[in-house]
Amino acid sequence: MRRLICRTMLPALLLTAVPVRADTNTPPQSLTVRIESACAETKIDDRLAALDSLGKTLAQRDIPEALTAAEGLKQLRERVVFTQAVLKRWGELAPAEAFVHIATLPEGVIKGESLRSVVPSYAKQGIRAAADAVVEMKPGRARNDTMQMLVEIWTKEDVKAAAQWVNHLPDGFPKDAALRNIYFIWVHLDPVGIAPIVRDLPPGDMKSALIMNVAGDWAAKDAASAIRWAESLRLPPEKELALATSAEAWADVSPGAAAEFALKLTPSELRQRAVLSVLERWATQEPQQAFHWIVKCLDEPLYDQGMARVLNVYAPVSPEAAGDLVDQLPAGPGRENAIGHYAEAAVQWNPEAATRSAYKSEDLAIRQQRVAPCFQMWRAWNPEAAQRWLAETNFHDELKQRWLAEKPAPQS
């Protein structure tokens, strides 16, 4: 039976046949011809793309000729693109050889970017050999950047070996920068393992940042152990930083326990810092529980600031629910302060609720001060409702007329 072939099948069959004839009958083009063909593209984007593609398909034996040809290209952008493509290809085929060549290039973008593409392959082939090769490089930005890149790769594979190598670097190498790179990777991989090292580091910004990372990551897994480590720190500022950070991280797991722990800390500055951090985290999880906890606090300054932290989180998300909590507070200074914090936090999201809450302030002067911006925001959103409400209030007529004469706040 004769097989029928529709017309739409012919192009696909022809396309599959072309490579076969080319492979068997057409000799491969020379590298010079291929470069000339790429450079013959009239659009610059197409020309650069062709040169880049050509570099990616080279055989290892073509690399020297390709690098020489790259130097002869007319335009700088052509030379840069083709040279980097060739060097990257060389790094895929023979990373050690490519690295040695690139290391001898003059400082510049081509050297830096080429090392960035070759180093991962070299490290994968043998990271110790790659490290030794970095040591042999001439001082300069390329060596520094390459070392940092290698250290990052090595740290993720074997952090202790990487740290040991950096510590034995000869003078003149940026050891501090490399160790910093190691420490900030290590602290997230194994906060418990690096904790003794961090404790013995000299004081400074790096140590403080590491203390926060150790305490935070450790406390999220084992708060009791993290707190014991924090207590072992010798300098009071470092100890306080670690304790406050531990409490804050603990709040993500057990906010009630973290709050009670923070409330017992001394001195008062540390207690305040820790409690406020815990409350802010707690409010993102269970805002009503955080609210009820701070309401029971007998420390007046801590109560006021803690209430502000909770309402600043809760009121923008749920203005009406947060407002109901404030309304339930008993009369007194605590309620008055809570009304002010609520009005500030809620006005951008529900100016009507903020206005009505602000109007419940006991002191007349404070009431007017709080209501004014909330009312103007409400008026900008819903002028008729805002004006009806204002007409029913007991503010004196002169104040009402002044507010109505003011230009409403712009809507955000």
Protein backbone atom coordinates (compact mmCIF):
# COMPACT_ATOMS: atom_id res chain seq x y z
CA MET A 1 0.00 0.00 0.00
CA ARG A 2 1.42 3.33 -1.00
CA ARG A 3 2.14 5.67 1.94
CA LEU A 4 0.61 9.12 1.48
CA ILE A 5 2.60 12.17 2.67
CA CYS A 6 0.74 15.43 3.10
CA ARG A 7 2.32 18.71 2.09
CA THR A 8 2.64 19.95 5.66
CA MET A 9 5.04 17.09 6.44
CA LEU A 10 7.56 18.05 3.73
CA PRO A 11 9.30 20.97 5.49
CA ALA A 12 9.95 18.87 8.58
CA LEU A 13 11.36 16.02 6.51
CA LEU A 14 13.61 18.40 4.60
CA LEU A 15 14.89 19.96 7.79
CA THR A 16 15.82 16.61 9.25
CA ALA A 17 17.62 15.69 6.05
CA VAL A 18 19.82 18.81 5.87
CA PRO A 19 22.20 17.97 8.72
CA VAL A 20 22.78 14.50 7.35
CA ARG A 21 23.94 15.82 3.96
CA ALA A 22 26.04 18.53 5.65
CA ASP A 23 27.79 16.04 7.93
CA THR A 24 28.61 13.61 5.10
CA ASN A 25 29.29 15.85 2.13
CA THR A 26 30.27 19.30 3.43
CA PRO A 27 33.69 19.80 5.05
CA PRO A 28 33.58 21.71 8.36
CA GLN A 29 34.12 25.43 8.05
CA SER A 30 37.35 26.88 9.35
CA LEU A 31 37.27 28.99 12.49
CA THR A 32 38.18 32.06 10.46
CA VAL A 33 35.17 31.57 8.20
CA ARG A 34 32.86 31.03 11.16
CA ILE A 35 34.08 34.24 12.80
CA GLU A 36 33.66 36.17 9.55
CA SER A 37 30.15 34.78 9.23
CA ALA A 38 29.26 35.92 12.75
CA CYS A 39 30.71 39.38 12.14
CA ALA A 40 28.75 39.69 8.90
CA GLU A 41 25.51 40.10 10.86
CA THR A 42 24.30 43.66 10.31
CA LYS A 43 22.45 44.12 13.60
CA ILE A 44 24.78 44.50 16.54
CA ASP A 45 22.66 42.34 18.85
CA ASP A 46 22.65 39.55 16.28
CA ARG A 47 26.40 39.95 15.72
CA LEU A 48 27.23 39.74 19.40
CA ALA A 49 24.89 36.81 19.90
CA ALA A 50 26.54 34.97 16.99
CA LEU A 51 30.01 35.54 18.43
CA ASP A 52 28.87 34.38 21.85
CA SER A 53 27.29 31.24 20.38
CA LEU A 54 30.42 30.51 18.40
CA GLY A 55 32.57 30.73 21.51
CA LYS A 56 30.33 28.30 23.35
CA THR A 57 30.74 25.58 20.71
CA LEU A 58 34.53 25.59 20.29
CA ALA A 59 36.63 22.48 20.64
CA GLN A 60 39.59 22.69 23.00
CA ARG A 61 42.07 22.65 20.11
CA ASP A 62 40.43 25.82 18.72
CA ILE A 63 40.87 27.88 21.88
CA PRO A 64 44.32 29.41 21.14
CA GLU A 65 43.33 30.40 17.60
CA ALA A 66 40.04 31.83 18.84
CA LEU A 67 41.76 34.01 21.46
CA THR A 68 44.16 35.35 18.84
CA ALA A 69 41.27 36.05 16.47
CA ALA A 70 39.36 37.85 19.24
CA GLU A 71 42.20 40.36 19.59
CA GLY A 72 41.81 41.25 15.91
CA LEU A 73 38.11 42.07 15.99
CA LYS A 74 37.36 45.68 15.14
CA GLN A 75 34.95 46.73 17.87
CA LEU A 76 35.58 46.65 21.60
CA ARG A 77 32.20 45.08 22.30
CA GLU A 78 32.93 42.31 19.80
CA ARG A 79 36.32 41.62 21.40
CA VAL A 80 34.87 41.55 24.90
CA VAL A 81 31.94 39.27 24.09
CA PHE A 82 33.94 36.79 22.02
CA THR A 83 36.91 36.70 24.39
CA GLN A 84 34.69 36.02 27.40
CA ALA A 85 32.76 33.33 25.53
CA VAL A 86 36.00 31.62 24.52
CA LEU A 87 37.46 31.76 28.03
CA LYS A 88 34.26 30.47 29.56
CA ARG A 89 34.25 27.60 27.08
CA TRP A 90 37.87 26.84 27.94
CA GLY A 91 36.90 26.79 31.61
CA GLU A 92 34.27 24.15 30.87
CA LEU A 93 36.71 21.98 28.93
CA ALA A 94 39.91 22.42 30.94
CA PRO A 95 39.34 24.67 33.98
CA ALA A 96 42.86 24.41 35.41
CA GLU A 97 44.49 25.45 32.14
CA ALA A 98 41.96 28.23 31.58
CA PHE A 99 42.52 29.56 35.09
CA VAL A 100 46.28 29.74 34.64
CA HIS A 101 45.85 31.74 31.44
CA ILE A 102 43.19 34.08 32.82
CA ALA A 103 45.28 34.74 35.93
CA THR A 104 47.99 36.28 33.72
CA LEU A 105 45.62 38.73 32.02
CA PRO A 106 45.77 42.42 32.96
CA GLU A 107 43.27 43.62 35.56
CA GLY A 108 39.91 44.49 34.09
CA VAL A 109 36.38 43.37 33.35
CA ILE A 110 37.38 40.53 31.04
CA LYS A 111 39.66 39.01 33.65
CA GLY A 112 37.17 39.42 36.49
CA GLU A 113 34.14 38.08 34.64
CA SER A 114 36.07 35.21 33.13
CA LEU A 115 37.36 34.10 36.52
CA ARG A 116 33.80 34.27 37.83
CA SER A 117 32.72 31.76 35.19
CA VAL A 118 35.76 29.47 35.46
CA VAL A 119 36.30 29.22 39.23
CA PRO A 120 33.18 27.09 39.99
CA SER A 121 34.31 24.49 37.43
CA TYR A 122 37.87 24.55 38.75
CA ALA A 123 36.68 24.19 42.34
CA LYS A 124 34.45 21.29 41.38
CA GLN A 125 37.43 19.57 39.76
CA GLY A 126 39.61 20.06 42.86
CA ILE A 127 39.06 22.82 45.37
CA ARG A 128 42.44 22.49 47.05
CA ALA A 129 44.24 22.88 43.73
CA ALA A 130 42.07 25.87 42.90
CA ALA A 131 42.92 27.43 46.27
CA ASP A 132 46.63 26.95 45.68
CA ALA A 133 46.29 28.57 42.26
CA VAL A 134 44.59 31.61 43.80
CA VAL A 135 47.54 32.06 46.17
CA GLU A 136 49.87 32.26 43.17
CA MET A 137 47.93 35.10 41.54
CA LYS A 138 49.32 38.62 41.51
CA PRO A 139 47.87 40.98 44.13
CA GLY A 140 44.88 42.94 42.88
CA ARG A 141 41.13 43.05 42.68
CA ALA A 142 40.89 39.87 40.60
CA ARG A 143 42.76 37.87 43.22
CA ASN A 144 40.67 39.28 46.05
CA ASP A 145 37.36 38.65 44.27
CA THR A 146 38.43 35.18 43.22
CA MET A 147 39.43 34.25 46.73
CA GLN A 148 36.09 35.42 48.12
CA MET A 149 34.23 33.42 45.50
CA LEU A 150 36.30 30.31 46.16
CA VAL A 151 35.89 30.66 49.92
CA GLU A 152 32.13 30.86 49.54
CA ILE A 153 32.07 27.66 47.49
CA TRP A 154 34.43 25.88 49.88
CA THR A 155 32.54 26.98 52.99
CA LYS A 156 29.35 25.35 51.75
CA GLU A 157 31.26 22.09 51.20
CA ASP A 158 33.59 22.00 54.22
CA VAL A 159 33.48 25.08 56.41
CA LYS A 160 36.24 24.01 58.80
CA ALA A 161 38.67 23.24 55.99
CA ALA A 162 37.92 26.60 54.38
CA ALA A 163 38.50 28.44 57.66
CA GLN A 164 41.75 26.60 58.27
CA TRP A 165 43.02 27.48 54.80
CA VAL A 166 42.17 31.15 55.20
CA ASN A 167 43.85 31.32 58.60
CA HIS A 168 47.09 30.08 57.05
CA LEU A 169 47.09 32.53 54.15
CA PRO A 170 50.35 34.45 53.73
CA ASP A 171 50.56 38.10 54.69
CA GLY A 172 49.11 40.49 52.16
CA PHE A 173 45.94 38.52 51.53
CA PRO A 174 42.59 39.97 52.69
CA LYS A 175 42.18 37.39 55.47
CA ASP A 176 39.64 39.43 57.40
CA ALA A 177 37.30 39.75 54.45
CA ALA A 178 37.59 36.03 53.69
CA LEU A 179 36.97 35.03 57.31
CA ARG A 180 33.99 37.36 57.46
CA ASN A 181 32.59 35.64 54.37
CA ILE A 182 33.11 32.25 55.98
CA TYR A 183 31.61 33.22 59.31
CA PHE A 184 28.42 34.64 57.83
CA ILE A 185 27.83 31.49 55.81
CA TRP A 186 28.82 29.21 58.68
CA VAL A 187 26.52 30.90 61.19
CA HIS A 188 23.45 29.94 59.18
CA LEU A 189 24.70 26.44 58.39
CA ASP A 190 25.62 25.61 61.99
CA PRO A 191 24.96 28.33 64.60
CA VAL A 192 25.80 25.93 67.42
CA GLY A 193 29.13 24.96 65.88
CA ILE A 194 30.30 28.52 65.33
CA ALA A 195 29.06 29.84 68.69
CA PRO A 196 32.35 29.22 70.60
CA ILE A 197 34.32 30.97 67.86
CA VAL A 198 32.00 33.97 67.89
CA ARG A 199 32.29 34.25 71.66
CA ASP A 200 36.08 34.60 71.42
CA LEU A 201 36.19 37.10 68.56
CA PRO A 202 37.41 40.63 69.32
CA PRO A 203 34.62 43.17 69.91
CA GLY A 204 33.34 45.01 66.87
CA ASP A 205 30.55 45.30 64.34
CA MET A 206 31.25 41.89 62.82
CA LYS A 207 31.06 40.15 66.19
CA SER A 208 27.84 41.96 67.08
CA ALA A 209 26.26 40.92 63.79
CA LEU A 210 27.36 37.32 64.30
CA ILE A 211 26.03 37.31 67.86
CA MET A 212 22.63 38.31 66.53
CA ASN A 213 22.75 35.56 63.91
CA VAL A 214 23.85 32.87 66.37
CA ALA A 215 21.29 33.87 68.99
CA GLY A 216 18.46 34.23 66.50
CA ASP A 217 19.03 30.98 64.60
CA TRP A 218 19.79 28.97 67.73
CA ALA A 219 16.90 30.28 69.82
CA ALA A 220 14.44 29.39 67.08
CA LYS A 221 15.48 25.74 67.55
CA ASP A 222 16.54 25.57 71.21
CA ALA A 223 15.83 28.72 73.19
CA ALA A 224 17.19 27.41 76.50
CA SER A 225 20.59 26.55 75.00
CA ALA A 226 20.79 29.84 73.13
CA ILE A 227 20.09 31.74 76.34
CA ARG A 228 22.78 29.81 78.20
CA TRP A 229 25.24 30.73 75.48
CA ALA A 230 24.16 34.35 75.64
CA GLU A 231 24.76 34.36 79.41
CA SER A 232 28.30 33.08 78.81
CA LEU A 233 29.31 36.19 76.87
CA ARG A 234 31.69 38.29 78.93
CA LEU A 235 30.95 41.85 77.83
CA PRO A 236 27.60 43.24 79.07
CA PRO A 237 26.62 44.88 75.73
CA GLU A 238 27.23 41.61 73.87
CA LYS A 239 25.33 39.60 76.48
CA GLU A 240 22.38 41.98 76.32
CA LEU A 241 22.37 41.86 72.52
CA ALA A 242 22.33 38.07 72.55
CA LEU A 243 19.59 37.85 75.18
CA ALA A 244 17.35 40.35 73.41
CA THR A 245 17.84 38.59 70.08
CA SER A 246 17.19 35.18 71.65
CA ALA A 247 13.93 36.42 73.16
CA GLU A 248 12.81 37.89 69.84
CA ALA A 249 13.56 34.66 67.94
CA TRP A 250 11.93 32.59 70.67
CA ALA A 251 8.77 34.64 70.16
CA ASP A 252 8.33 33.05 66.75
CA VAL A 253 7.97 29.66 68.46
CA SER A 254 6.51 30.40 71.89
CA PRO A 255 5.64 34.11 72.23
CA GLY A 256 4.04 33.87 75.67
CA ALA A 257 7.07 32.16 77.20
CA ALA A 258 9.40 34.57 75.42
CA ALA A 259 7.49 37.56 76.79
CA GLU A 260 7.64 36.27 80.36
CA PHE A 261 11.37 35.64 79.98
CA ALA A 262 11.96 39.11 78.55
CA LEU A 263 9.98 40.71 81.38
CA LYS A 264 12.45 39.30 83.95
CA LEU A 265 15.60 40.60 82.25
CA THR A 266 17.78 43.27 83.78
CA PRO A 267 18.73 46.08 83.48
CA SER A 268 15.54 47.92 82.60
CA GLU A 269 16.87 48.99 79.19
CA LEU A 270 17.41 45.37 78.22
CA ARG A 271 14.00 44.36 79.57
CA GLN A 272 12.27 47.07 77.57
CA ARG A 273 14.15 46.25 74.38
CA ALA A 274 13.43 42.53 74.64
CA VAL A 275 9.76 42.87 75.60
CA LEU A 276 9.02 45.27 72.76
CA SER A 277 10.72 43.00 70.22
CA VAL A 278 8.78 40.00 71.49
CA LEU A 279 5.47 41.89 71.40
CA GLU A 280 6.04 42.97 67.82
CA ARG A 281 6.67 39.36 66.76
CA TRP A 282 3.74 38.15 68.87
CA ALA A 283 1.39 40.68 67.29
CA THR A 284 2.10 39.24 63.84
CA GLN A 285 0.90 35.85 65.08
CA GLU A 286 -1.78 36.33 67.75
CA PRO A 287 -2.41 40.08 68.12
CA GLN A 288 -5.30 39.75 70.57
CA GLN A 289 -3.22 37.62 72.95
CA ALA A 290 -0.33 40.07 72.68
CA PHE A 291 -2.77 42.92 73.41
CA HIS A 292 -4.20 41.23 76.51
CA TRP A 293 -0.70 40.43 77.77
CA ILE A 294 0.55 44.00 77.56
CA VAL A 295 -2.67 45.29 79.16
CA LYS A 296 -1.67 43.45 82.35
CA CYS A 297 1.80 45.01 82.41
CA LEU A 298 2.31 47.23 85.46
CA ASP A 299 5.35 49.03 84.05
CA GLU A 300 3.78 52.24 82.69
CA PRO A 301 6.45 53.20 80.09
CA LEU A 302 6.65 49.59 78.95
CA TYR A 303 2.86 49.37 78.75
CA ASP A 304 2.64 52.48 76.61
CA GLN A 305 5.36 51.46 74.14
CA GLY A 306 4.22 47.85 74.07
CA MET A 307 0.65 48.90 73.30
CA ALA A 308 1.96 51.04 70.45
CA ARG A 309 3.92 48.10 69.01
CA VAL A 310 0.90 45.80 69.08
CA LEU A 311 -1.53 48.32 67.60
CA ASN A 312 0.94 49.38 64.91
CA VAL A 313 0.87 45.78 63.69
CA TYR A 314 -2.79 44.95 64.29
CA ALA A 315 -4.69 48.14 63.45
CA PRO A 316 -3.59 48.44 59.79
CA VAL A 317 -4.60 44.81 59.17
CA SER A 318 -7.86 44.74 61.14
CA PRO A 319 -8.84 48.32 62.09
CA GLU A 320 -12.28 47.46 63.42
CA ALA A 321 -11.16 44.46 65.50
CA ALA A 322 -8.26 46.43 66.97
CA GLY A 323 -10.60 49.32 67.72
CA ASP A 324 -12.95 46.98 69.61
CA LEU A 325 -10.07 45.93 71.86
CA VAL A 326 -9.24 49.54 72.65
CA ASP A 327 -12.89 50.31 73.42
CA GLN A 328 -12.94 47.51 76.02
CA LEU A 329 -10.12 49.03 78.05
CA PRO A 330 -11.12 50.56 81.39
CA ALA A 331 -11.00 54.32 81.74
CA GLY A 332 -7.66 55.72 82.70
CA PRO A 333 -4.27 56.77 81.32
CA GLY A 334 -3.72 53.39 79.68
CA ARG A 335 -6.89 53.66 77.63
CA GLU A 336 -6.15 57.27 76.72
CA ASN A 337 -2.71 56.37 75.39
CA ALA A 338 -4.09 53.35 73.55
CA ILE A 339 -6.66 55.55 71.78
CA GLY A 340 -3.86 57.79 70.53
CA HIS A 341 -1.77 54.88 69.27
CA TYR A 342 -4.78 53.30 67.60
CA ALA A 343 -5.83 56.50 65.82
CA GLU A 344 -2.33 56.98 64.40
CA ALA A 345 -2.10 53.35 63.24
CA ALA A 346 -5.59 53.08 61.77
CA VAL A 347 -6.14 56.45 60.11
CA GLN A 348 -4.59 55.53 56.76
CA TRP A 349 -6.70 52.39 56.48
CA ASN A 350 -9.99 53.25 58.13
CA PRO A 351 -10.17 56.97 58.91
CA GLU A 352 -13.78 56.69 60.08
CA ALA A 353 -12.86 54.18 62.79
CA ALA A 354 -9.82 56.25 63.73
CA THR A 355 -11.93 59.41 63.99
CA ARG A 356 -14.60 57.81 66.14
CA SER A 357 -11.98 56.33 68.43
CA ALA A 358 -10.08 59.63 68.74
CA TYR A 359 -13.33 61.36 69.68
CA LYS A 360 -13.53 59.14 72.79
CA SER A 361 -10.45 60.82 74.28
CA GLU A 362 -11.31 62.31 77.68
CA ASP A 363 -9.24 65.48 77.50
CA LEU A 364 -10.86 68.06 75.20
CA ALA A 365 -7.60 69.51 73.85
CA ILE A 366 -6.17 66.06 73.14
CA ARG A 367 -9.50 65.00 71.59
CA GLN A 368 -9.44 67.91 69.16
CA GLN A 369 -5.78 67.30 68.34
CA ARG A 370 -6.38 63.61 67.56
CA VAL A 371 -9.67 64.03 65.71
CA ALA A 372 -8.50 66.78 63.32
CA PRO A 373 -6.19 64.73 61.04
CA CYS A 374 -8.42 61.64 61.19
CA PHE A 375 -11.52 63.64 60.30
CA GLN A 376 -9.81 65.32 57.33
CA MET A 377 -8.71 61.91 56.00
CA TRP A 378 -12.24 60.56 56.43
CA ARG A 379 -13.64 63.67 54.75
CA ALA A 380 -11.35 63.14 51.76
CA TRP A 381 -12.66 59.60 51.36
CA ASN A 382 -16.33 60.11 52.23
CA PRO A 383 -17.17 63.80 52.69
CA GLU A 384 -20.91 63.39 53.23
CA ALA A 385 -20.58 60.79 56.01
CA ALA A 386 -17.76 62.72 57.69
CA GLN A 387 -19.69 66.00 57.67
CA ARG A 388 -22.85 64.35 59.04
CA TRP A 389 -20.81 62.90 61.88
CA LEU A 390 -19.15 66.25 62.63
CA ALA A 391 -22.52 67.98 62.80
CA GLU A 392 -23.63 65.60 65.57
CA THR A 393 -20.54 66.11 67.75
CA ASN A 394 -20.31 68.55 70.64
CA PHE A 395 -17.36 70.44 69.17
CA HIS A 396 -18.11 74.16 69.15
CA ASP A 397 -19.36 75.65 65.89
CA GLU A 398 -16.28 77.79 65.27
CA LEU A 399 -14.04 74.69 65.28
CA LYS A 400 -16.43 72.81 63.02
CA GLN A 401 -16.46 75.66 60.50
CA ARG A 402 -12.70 75.90 60.55
CA TRP A 403 -12.31 72.17 59.86
CA LEU A 404 -14.85 72.33 57.03
CA ALA A 405 -13.06 75.32 55.51
CA GLU A 406 -9.77 73.41 55.40
CA LYS A 407 -8.76 71.62 52.23
CA PRO A 408 -9.31 67.86 52.71
CA ALA A 409 -6.24 65.69 53.00
CA PRO A 410 -5.20 64.13 49.67
CA GLN A 411 -6.38 60.56 49.19
CA SER A 412 -3.56 58.03 49.27
